């Protein structure tokens, strides 16, 4: 069996608040929860937006804090990240793709694939031909081994009017590719700061809450001029993969007011 703790979108800063939330308090609470309850996990995946401002100081600080994590870390890049500073501060698997923060981790329980969907300078994402060919080769080589795919940007609309415009560009091409592989057991998506589950092209997927702040539900309607984080608790996910079957549980790790200042 493969067990993974999944966090997303910490938007870490070495000082100050992000939309009224303290990212250091929230990350510390998440790490404590994982160490206390899930020290037996094989890995902890953080699916992008490791930092909020993309500064060297932020990366050094979050890397230091994550040293307290009792579970091996698999960090990923999001639209707020800087690939160069990310690589300097955070350890990556040996076979990480050159030029991108994209890698596959084979385990006895299944294959973990962490994708780089960043489009520098944009909130939306992209998955270029080079990354597509890499993923095709990895999945072909893995054969029938069950695989979990992690990515930051959603490749399809999710019924979130304000966030759907910032999804993966040409996501249909990405979905065309992965739909060819029956080995893909589950698709794990960050970026939207909301918990959504469903299936696309026959592949089950889930999105993850941010461990910092949540985007409000689409109803009542809102836009970016009226945006304010929802008064919802952060959460992380606990994924298990056994015999090709996946279970994903959302776990609240702190009260929604922890680390929030008015």
C-alpha atoms as a PDB file:
ATOM      1  CA  UNK A   1       0.000   0.000   0.000  1.00  0.00           C
ATOM      2  CA  UNK A   2       1.112   3.554  -0.761  1.00  0.00           C
ATOM      3  CA  UNK A   3       0.128   6.346   1.644  1.00  0.00           C
ATOM      4  CA  UNK A   4       0.548  10.011   0.750  1.00  0.00           C
ATOM      5  CA  UNK A   5      -0.287  13.133   2.709  1.00  0.00           C
ATOM      6  CA  UNK A   6      -1.271  15.892   0.299  1.00  0.00           C
ATOM      7  CA  UNK A   7      -0.972  19.593   1.070  1.00  0.00           C
ATOM      8  CA  UNK A   8      -1.480  22.445  -1.365  1.00  0.00           C
ATOM      9  CA  UNK A   9      -0.945  26.167  -1.768  1.00  0.00           C
ATOM     10  CA  UNK A  10       0.833  27.218   1.441  1.00  0.00           C
ATOM     11  CA  UNK A  11       1.619  30.652  -0.099  1.00  0.00           C
ATOM     12  CA  UNK A  12       4.387  30.959   2.480  1.00  0.00           C
ATOM     13  CA  UNK A  13       6.042  34.236   3.413  1.00  0.00           C
ATOM     14  CA  UNK A  14       8.889  34.744   5.851  1.00  0.00           C
ATOM     15  CA  UNK A  15       6.992  37.651   7.436  1.00  0.00           C
ATOM     16  CA  UNK A  16       3.649  39.402   7.285  1.00  0.00           C
ATOM     17  CA  UNK A  17       0.194  38.133   6.395  1.00  0.00           C
ATOM     18  CA  UNK A  18      -1.402  36.916   3.172  1.00  0.00           C
ATOM     19  CA  UNK A  19      -4.997  38.123   2.898  1.00  0.00           C
ATOM     20  CA  UNK A  20      -5.189  38.350   6.671  1.00  0.00           C
ATOM     21  CA  UNK A  21      -3.789  34.849   7.247  1.00  0.00           C
ATOM     22  CA  UNK A  22      -0.452  33.908   8.799  1.00  0.00           C
ATOM     23  CA  UNK A  23       1.196  31.286   6.547  1.00  0.00           C
ATOM     24  CA  UNK A  24       3.785  30.349   9.173  1.00  0.00           C
ATOM     25  CA  UNK A  25       1.141  29.499  11.774  1.00  0.00           C
ATOM     26  CA  UNK A  26      -0.864  27.453   9.272  1.00  0.00           C
ATOM     27  CA  UNK A  27       2.144  25.512   7.961  1.00  0.00           C
ATOM     28  CA  UNK A  28       3.359  24.780  11.483  1.00  0.00           C
ATOM     29  CA  UNK A  29      -0.094  23.450  12.382  1.00  0.00           C
ATOM     30  CA  UNK A  30      -0.146  21.240   9.282  1.00  0.00           C
ATOM     31  CA  UNK A  31       3.308  19.824   9.998  1.00  0.00           C
ATOM     32  CA  UNK A  32       2.361  19.097  13.616  1.00  0.00           C
ATOM     33  CA  UNK A  33      -0.817  17.330  12.481  1.00  0.00           C
ATOM     34  CA  UNK A  34       1.086  15.187   9.985  1.00  0.00           C
ATOM     35  CA  UNK A  35       3.843  14.258  12.426  1.00  0.00           C
ATOM     36  CA  UNK A  36       1.321  13.405  15.122  1.00  0.00           C
ATOM     37  CA  UNK A  37      -1.104  11.403  12.993  1.00  0.00           C
ATOM     38  CA  UNK A  38       0.566  10.351   9.752  1.00  0.00           C
ATOM     39  CA  UNK A  39       4.209   9.648  10.474  1.00  0.00           C
ATOM     40  CA  UNK A  40       3.712   6.331   8.656  1.00  0.00           C
ATOM     41  CA  UNK A  41       3.046   8.040   5.319  1.00  0.00           C
ATOM     42  CA  UNK A  42       5.435   7.269   2.485  1.00  0.00           C
ATOM     43  CA  UNK A  43       5.517  10.863   1.242  1.00  0.00           C
ATOM     44  CA  UNK A  44       4.035  14.320   1.676  1.00  0.00           C
ATOM     45  CA  UNK A  45       3.246  16.082  -1.613  1.00  0.00           C
ATOM     46  CA  UNK A  46       2.779  19.870  -1.695  1.00  0.00           C
ATOM     47  CA  UNK A  47       1.096  20.668  -5.000  1.00  0.00           C
ATOM     48  CA  UNK A  48       2.450  24.117  -5.778  1.00  0.00           C
ATOM     49  CA  UNK A  49       2.479  27.741  -4.699  1.00  0.00           C
ATOM     50  CA  UNK A  50       5.054  26.928  -2.067  1.00  0.00           C
ATOM     51  CA  UNK A  51       5.605  30.654  -1.510  1.00  0.00           C
ATOM     52  CA  UNK A  52       3.511  33.731  -2.208  1.00  0.00           C
ATOM     53  CA  UNK A  53       6.072  36.280  -3.400  1.00  0.00           C
ATOM     54  CA  UNK A  54       8.759  34.072  -4.932  1.00  0.00           C
ATOM     55  CA  UNK A  55      11.636  35.588  -2.932  1.00  0.00           C
ATOM     56  CA  UNK A  56      14.844  33.855  -1.867  1.00  0.00           C
ATOM     57  CA  UNK A  57      14.132  34.624   1.806  1.00  0.00           C
ATOM     58  CA  UNK A  58      10.715  32.977   1.582  1.00  0.00           C
ATOM     59  CA  UNK A  59      12.186  29.806   0.080  1.00  0.00           C
ATOM     60  CA  UNK A  60      14.977  29.580   2.650  1.00  0.00           C
ATOM     61  CA  UNK A  61      12.474  30.033   5.469  1.00  0.00           C
ATOM     62  CA  UNK A  62       9.940  27.475   4.233  1.00  0.00           C
ATOM     63  CA  UNK A  63      12.718  24.970   3.560  1.00  0.00           C
ATOM     64  CA  UNK A  64      13.895  25.397   7.145  1.00  0.00           C
ATOM     65  CA  UNK A  65      10.387  24.916   8.524  1.00  0.00           C
ATOM     66  CA  UNK A  66       9.794  21.827   6.397  1.00  0.00           C
ATOM     67  CA  UNK A  67      12.851  20.173   7.926  1.00  0.00           C
ATOM     68  CA  UNK A  68      10.575  19.412  10.892  1.00  0.00           C
ATOM     69  CA  UNK A  69       8.318  17.272   8.702  1.00  0.00           C
ATOM     70  CA  UNK A  70       8.662  13.594   9.691  1.00  0.00           C
ATOM     71  CA  UNK A  71       7.625  12.402   6.211  1.00  0.00           C
ATOM     72  CA  UNK A  72       9.723  12.594   3.000  1.00  0.00           C
ATOM     73  CA  UNK A  73       8.725  15.699   1.044  1.00  0.00           C
ATOM     74  CA  UNK A  74       7.826  15.986  -2.650  1.00  0.00           C
ATOM     75  CA  UNK A  75       7.453  19.734  -3.396  1.00  0.00           C
ATOM     76  CA  UNK A  76       5.875  21.091  -6.576  1.00  0.00           C
ATOM     77  CA  UNK A  77       5.860  24.373  -8.452  1.00  0.00           C
ATOM     78  CA  UNK A  78       2.824  26.635  -8.915  1.00  0.00           C
ATOM     79  CA  UNK A  79       2.163  29.979 -10.565  1.00  0.00           C
ATOM     80  CA  UNK A  80       3.504  31.936  -7.553  1.00  0.00           C
ATOM     81  CA  UNK A  81       6.812  30.068  -7.541  1.00  0.00           C
ATOM     82  CA  UNK A  82      10.223  30.841  -9.015  1.00  0.00           C
ATOM     83  CA  UNK A  83      11.834  27.719 -10.483  1.00  0.00           C
ATOM     84  CA  UNK A  84      15.434  28.882  -9.968  1.00  0.00           C
ATOM     85  CA  UNK A  85      15.004  29.874  -6.307  1.00  0.00           C
ATOM     86  CA  UNK A  86      12.860  26.780  -5.708  1.00  0.00           C
ATOM     87  CA  UNK A  87      15.665  24.479  -6.885  1.00  0.00           C
ATOM     88  CA  UNK A  88      18.242  26.243  -4.730  1.00  0.00           C
ATOM     89  CA  UNK A  89      16.257  25.860  -1.515  1.00  0.00           C
ATOM     90  CA  UNK A  90      14.271  22.634  -1.814  1.00  0.00           C
ATOM     91  CA  UNK A  91      15.574  19.120  -2.420  1.00  0.00           C
ATOM     92  CA  UNK A  92      14.164  17.308  -5.447  1.00  0.00           C
ATOM     93  CA  UNK A  93      14.351  13.687  -6.636  1.00  0.00           C
ATOM     94  CA  UNK A  94      17.487  12.788  -8.599  1.00  0.00           C
ATOM     95  CA  UNK A  95      15.621  12.266 -11.879  1.00  0.00           C
ATOM     96  CA  UNK A  96      13.812  15.614 -11.880  1.00  0.00           C
ATOM     97  CA  UNK A  97      13.337  16.815 -15.456  1.00  0.00           C
ATOM     98  CA  UNK A  98      15.907  19.332 -16.639  1.00  0.00           C
ATOM     99  CA  UNK A  99      14.412  22.794 -17.030  1.00  0.00           C
ATOM    100  CA  UNK A 100      11.203  21.932 -15.196  1.00  0.00           C
ATOM    101  CA  UNK A 101      10.255  20.824 -11.684  1.00  0.00           C
ATOM    102  CA  UNK A 102       8.671  17.621 -12.901  1.00  0.00           C
ATOM    103  CA  UNK A 103       9.496  14.102 -11.749  1.00  0.00           C
ATOM    104  CA  UNK A 104       8.244  10.566 -11.174  1.00  0.00           C
ATOM    105  CA  UNK A 105       8.838   8.530  -8.028  1.00  0.00           C
ATOM    106  CA  UNK A 106       8.431   4.757  -8.344  1.00  0.00           C
ATOM    107  CA  UNK A 107       7.402   2.903  -5.185  1.00  0.00           C
ATOM    108  CA  UNK A 108       6.358  -0.642  -4.370  1.00  0.00           C
ATOM    109  CA  UNK A 109       2.776   0.589  -3.996  1.00  0.00           C
ATOM    110  CA  UNK A 110       2.580   2.558  -7.246  1.00  0.00           C
ATOM    111  CA  UNK A 111       3.994   5.443  -9.245  1.00  0.00           C
ATOM    112  CA  UNK A 112       3.852   9.077  -8.063  1.00  0.00           C
ATOM    113  CA  UNK A 113       4.063  11.640 -10.874  1.00  0.00           C
ATOM    114  CA  UNK A 114       4.452  15.324  -9.977  1.00  0.00           C
ATOM    115  CA  UNK A 115       3.956  17.683 -12.915  1.00  0.00           C
ATOM    116  CA  UNK A 116       5.122  21.225 -13.641  1.00  0.00           C
ATOM    117  CA  UNK A 117       2.259  23.269 -15.120  1.00  0.00           C
ATOM    118  CA  UNK A 118       3.776  26.681 -14.535  1.00  0.00           C
ATOM    119  CA  UNK A 119       3.590  29.344 -17.235  1.00  0.00           C
ATOM    120  CA  UNK A 120       6.050  32.036 -16.079  1.00  0.00           C
ATOM    121  CA  UNK A 121       4.424  35.423 -15.598  1.00  0.00           C
ATOM    122  CA  UNK A 122       0.867  34.075 -15.752  1.00  0.00           C
ATOM    123  CA  UNK A 123      -1.717  32.816 -13.282  1.00  0.00           C
ATOM    124  CA  UNK A 124      -2.891  30.237 -15.809  1.00  0.00           C
ATOM    125  CA  UNK A 125      -0.830  27.165 -16.575  1.00  0.00           C
ATOM    126  CA  UNK A 126       0.659  25.421 -19.577  1.00  0.00           C
ATOM    127  CA  UNK A 127       1.956  21.957 -20.433  1.00  0.00           C
ATOM    128  CA  UNK A 128       4.288  22.288 -23.391  1.00  0.00           C
ATOM    129  CA  UNK A 129       5.271  19.621 -25.925  1.00  0.00           C
ATOM    130  CA  UNK A 130       8.510  18.889 -24.038  1.00  0.00           C
ATOM    131  CA  UNK A 131       6.645  18.164 -20.812  1.00  0.00           C
ATOM    132  CA  UNK A 132       4.004  16.180 -22.709  1.00  0.00           C
ATOM    133  CA  UNK A 133       6.658  13.931 -24.275  1.00  0.00           C
ATOM    134  CA  UNK A 134       8.280  13.397 -20.882  1.00  0.00           C
ATOM    135  CA  UNK A 135       4.966  12.360 -19.325  1.00  0.00           C
ATOM    136  CA  UNK A 136       4.142  10.062 -22.238  1.00  0.00           C
ATOM    137  CA  UNK A 137       7.532   8.337 -21.861  1.00  0.00           C
ATOM    138  CA  UNK A 138       7.145   7.954 -18.084  1.00  0.00           C
ATOM    139  CA  UNK A 139       3.676   6.440 -18.312  1.00  0.00           C
ATOM    140  CA  UNK A 140       4.669   4.166 -21.178  1.00  0.00           C
ATOM    141  CA  UNK A 141       7.687   2.895 -19.267  1.00  0.00           C
ATOM    142  CA  UNK A 142       5.558   2.288 -16.145  1.00  0.00           C
ATOM    143  CA  UNK A 143       3.211  -0.018 -18.050  1.00  0.00           C
ATOM    144  CA  UNK A 144       0.381  -1.266 -15.860  1.00  0.00           C
ATOM    145  CA  UNK A 145       1.798   0.140 -12.618  1.00  0.00           C
ATOM    146  CA  UNK A 146      -0.962   2.212 -10.913  1.00  0.00           C
ATOM    147  CA  UNK A 147      -0.106   5.904 -11.013  1.00  0.00           C
ATOM    148  CA  UNK A 148      -1.134   8.991  -9.042  1.00  0.00           C
ATOM    149  CA  UNK A 149      -0.768  12.251 -10.978  1.00  0.00           C
ATOM    150  CA  UNK A 150      -0.313  15.540  -9.114  1.00  0.00           C
ATOM    151  CA  UNK A 151      -0.570  18.907 -10.872  1.00  0.00           C
ATOM    152  CA  UNK A 152      -1.141  22.520  -9.873  1.00  0.00           C
ATOM    153  CA  UNK A 153      -3.481  23.846 -12.566  1.00  0.00           C
ATOM    154  CA  UNK A 154      -6.773  22.109 -13.424  1.00  0.00           C
ATOM    155  CA  UNK A 155      -6.871  20.882 -17.033  1.00  0.00           C
ATOM    156  CA  UNK A 156     -10.647  21.411 -17.267  1.00  0.00           C
ATOM    157  CA  UNK A 157     -13.278  23.858 -15.974  1.00  0.00           C
ATOM    158  CA  UNK A 158     -14.598  23.048 -12.514  1.00  0.00           C
ATOM    159  CA  UNK A 159     -17.686  25.256 -12.334  1.00  0.00           C
ATOM    160  CA  UNK A 160     -15.708  28.019 -10.605  1.00  0.00           C
ATOM    161  CA  UNK A 161     -16.325  31.140 -12.721  1.00  0.00           C
ATOM    162  CA  UNK A 162     -13.502  33.233 -11.276  1.00  0.00           C
ATOM    163  CA  UNK A 163     -10.874  30.440 -11.244  1.00  0.00           C
ATOM    164  CA  UNK A 164     -11.760  28.555 -14.422  1.00  0.00           C
ATOM    165  CA  UNK A 165     -10.148  31.258 -16.565  1.00  0.00           C
ATOM    166  CA  UNK A 166      -6.787  30.496 -14.896  1.00  0.00           C
ATOM    167  CA  UNK A 167      -6.769  26.762 -15.568  1.00  0.00           C
ATOM    168  CA  UNK A 168      -4.303  24.839 -17.742  1.00  0.00           C
ATOM    169  CA  UNK A 169      -4.209  26.250 -21.257  1.00  0.00           C
ATOM    170  CA  UNK A 170      -5.066  23.615 -23.899  1.00  0.00           C
ATOM    171  CA  UNK A 171      -6.022  21.238 -21.119  1.00  0.00           C
ATOM    172  CA  UNK A 172      -7.868  19.085 -23.642  1.00  0.00           C
ATOM    173  CA  UNK A 173      -4.545  17.976 -25.169  1.00  0.00           C
ATOM    174  CA  UNK A 174      -3.296  16.985 -21.727  1.00  0.00           C
ATOM    175  CA  UNK A 175      -6.485  15.033 -21.050  1.00  0.00           C
ATOM    176  CA  UNK A 176      -6.241  13.347 -24.454  1.00  0.00           C
ATOM    177  CA  UNK A 177      -2.795  12.099 -23.472  1.00  0.00           C
ATOM    178  CA  UNK A 178      -3.536  10.759 -20.003  1.00  0.00           C
ATOM    179  CA  UNK A 179      -6.831   9.166 -21.115  1.00  0.00           C
ATOM    180  CA  UNK A 180      -4.738   6.763 -23.179  1.00  0.00           C
ATOM    181  CA  UNK A 181      -3.278   5.201 -20.030  1.00  0.00           C
ATOM    182  CA  UNK A 182      -5.488   2.915 -17.960  1.00  0.00           C
ATOM    183  CA  UNK A 183      -2.782   2.889 -15.279  1.00  0.00           C
ATOM    184  CA  UNK A 184      -3.724   6.364 -13.997  1.00  0.00           C
ATOM    185  CA  UNK A 185      -5.651   5.771 -10.793  1.00  0.00           C
ATOM    186  CA  UNK A 186      -6.242   9.344  -9.637  1.00  0.00           C
ATOM    187  CA  UNK A 187      -5.597  12.956 -10.615  1.00  0.00           C
ATOM    188  CA  UNK A 188      -4.749  15.410  -7.801  1.00  0.00           C
ATOM    189  CA  UNK A 189      -5.120  19.142  -8.505  1.00  0.00           C
ATOM    190  CA  UNK A 190      -4.180  22.291  -6.552  1.00  0.00           C
ATOM    191  CA  UNK A 191      -4.536  26.012  -7.358  1.00  0.00           C
ATOM    192  CA  UNK A 192      -8.268  26.567  -6.777  1.00  0.00           C
ATOM    193  CA  UNK A 193      -8.288  26.536  -2.931  1.00  0.00           C
ATOM    194  CA  UNK A 194     -11.546  24.529  -2.916  1.00  0.00           C
ATOM    195  CA  UNK A 195     -12.482  20.853  -2.351  1.00  0.00           C
ATOM    196  CA  UNK A 196     -14.002  19.385  -5.527  1.00  0.00           C
ATOM    197  CA  UNK A 197     -14.229  15.777  -6.684  1.00  0.00           C
ATOM    198  CA  UNK A 198     -15.402  14.242  -9.926  1.00  0.00           C
ATOM    199  CA  UNK A 199     -14.214  12.366 -13.008  1.00  0.00           C
ATOM    200  CA  UNK A 200     -12.900  13.557 -16.370  1.00  0.00           C
ATOM    201  CA  UNK A 201     -12.370  11.261 -19.362  1.00  0.00           C
ATOM    202  CA  UNK A 202     -13.121   8.426 -16.960  1.00  0.00           C
ATOM    203  CA  UNK A 203     -10.316   9.450 -14.576  1.00  0.00           C
ATOM    204  CA  UNK A 204     -11.317  10.326 -11.001  1.00  0.00           C
ATOM    205  CA  UNK A 205      -9.927  13.571  -9.639  1.00  0.00           C
ATOM    206  CA  UNK A 206      -9.944  15.769  -6.560  1.00  0.00           C
ATOM    207  CA  UNK A 207      -8.862  19.312  -5.842  1.00  0.00           C
ATOM    208  CA  UNK A 208      -7.417  20.344  -2.491  1.00  0.00           C
ATOM    209  CA  UNK A 209      -8.092  23.147  -0.073  1.00  0.00           C
ATOM    210  CA  UNK A 210      -5.199  25.481   0.588  1.00  0.00           C
ATOM    211  CA  UNK A 211      -3.509  25.063   3.940  1.00  0.00           C
ATOM    212  CA  UNK A 212      -3.613  28.882   4.202  1.00  0.00           C
ATOM    213  CA  UNK A 213      -6.905  30.397   2.981  1.00  0.00           C
ATOM    214  CA  UNK A 214      -9.930  29.191   1.017  1.00  0.00           C
ATOM    215  CA  UNK A 215     -11.611  30.677  -2.036  1.00  0.00           C
ATOM    216  CA  UNK A 216     -15.334  31.152  -1.421  1.00  0.00           C
ATOM    217  CA  UNK A 217     -17.873  28.887  -3.071  1.00  0.00           C
ATOM    218  CA  UNK A 218     -19.187  30.159  -6.427  1.00  0.00           C
ATOM    219  CA  UNK A 219     -22.585  30.929  -4.876  1.00  0.00           C
ATOM    220  CA  UNK A 220     -23.345  33.587  -3.831  1.00  0.00           C
ATOM    221  CA  UNK A 221     -21.608  35.094  -6.844  1.00  0.00           C
ATOM    222  CA  UNK A 222     -18.398  37.064  -6.378  1.00  0.00           C
ATOM    223  CA  UNK A 223     -15.646  38.576  -8.514  1.00  0.00           C
ATOM    224  CA  UNK A 224     -12.052  39.591  -7.856  1.00  0.00           C
ATOM    225  CA  UNK A 225     -13.048  43.136  -6.910  1.00  0.00           C
ATOM    226  CA  UNK A 226     -15.200  41.754  -4.080  1.00  0.00           C
ATOM    227  CA  UNK A 227     -13.001  38.750  -3.265  1.00  0.00           C
ATOM    228  CA  UNK A 228     -12.391  37.852   0.366  1.00  0.00           C
ATOM    229  CA  UNK A 229     -11.230  34.460   1.659  1.00  0.00           C
ATOM    230  CA  UNK A 230     -14.037  32.167   2.748  1.00  0.00           C
ATOM    231  CA  UNK A 231     -14.470  31.538   6.459  1.00  0.00           C
ATOM    232  CA  UNK A 232     -13.623  27.870   6.068  1.00  0.00           C
ATOM    233  CA  UNK A 233     -11.010  25.772   7.802  1.00  0.00           C
ATOM    234  CA  UNK A 234      -7.940  24.650   5.875  1.00  0.00           C
ATOM    235  CA  UNK A 235      -7.472  20.978   5.190  1.00  0.00           C
ATOM    236  CA  UNK A 236      -5.037  18.456   3.829  1.00  0.00           C
ATOM    237  CA  UNK A 237      -5.646  15.118   2.141  1.00  0.00           C
ATOM    238  CA  UNK A 238      -4.650  11.573   3.018  1.00  0.00           C
ATOM    239  CA  UNK A 239      -4.396   9.321  -0.036  1.00  0.00           C
ATOM    240  CA  UNK A 240      -3.987   5.569  -0.034  1.00  0.00           C
ATOM    241  CA  UNK A 241      -3.340   3.477  -3.126  1.00  0.00           C
ATOM    242  CA  UNK A 242      -3.727  -0.284  -2.839  1.00  0.00           C
ATOM    243  CA  UNK A 243      -4.213  -2.767  -5.681  1.00  0.00           C
ATOM    244  CA  UNK A 244      -5.046   0.137  -7.991  1.00  0.00           C
ATOM    245  CA  UNK A 245      -7.804   1.403  -5.684  1.00  0.00           C
ATOM    246  CA  UNK A 246      -7.621   4.914  -4.244  1.00  0.00           C
ATOM    247  CA  UNK A 247      -9.121   6.430  -1.123  1.00  0.00           C
ATOM    248  CA  UNK A 248      -8.786  10.140  -0.414  1.00  0.00           C
ATOM    249  CA  UNK A 249      -9.846  11.711   2.878  1.00  0.00           C
ATOM    250  CA  UNK A 250      -9.929  15.436   3.629  1.00  0.00           C
ATOM    251  CA  UNK A 251      -8.673  16.239   7.133  1.00  0.00           C
ATOM    252  CA  UNK A 252      -9.096  19.542   8.942  1.00  0.00           C
ATOM    253  CA  UNK A 253      -5.939  20.251  10.923  1.00  0.00           C
ATOM    254  CA  UNK A 254      -6.813  23.518  12.658  1.00  0.00           C
ATOM    255  CA  UNK A 255      -9.711  25.862  13.328  1.00  0.00           C
ATOM    256  CA  UNK A 256     -10.481  28.363  10.584  1.00  0.00           C
ATOM    257  CA  UNK A 257      -9.554  31.282  12.865  1.00  0.00           C
ATOM    258  CA  UNK A 258      -6.056  29.993  13.653  1.00  0.00           C
ATOM    259  CA  UNK A 259      -3.530  32.388  12.156  1.00  0.00           C
ATOM    260  CA  UNK A 260      -6.193  34.846  11.003  1.00  0.00           C
ATOM    261  CA  UNK A 261      -6.013  38.521  11.955  1.00  0.00           C
ATOM    262  CA  UNK A 262      -8.512  41.233  11.219  1.00  0.00           C
END
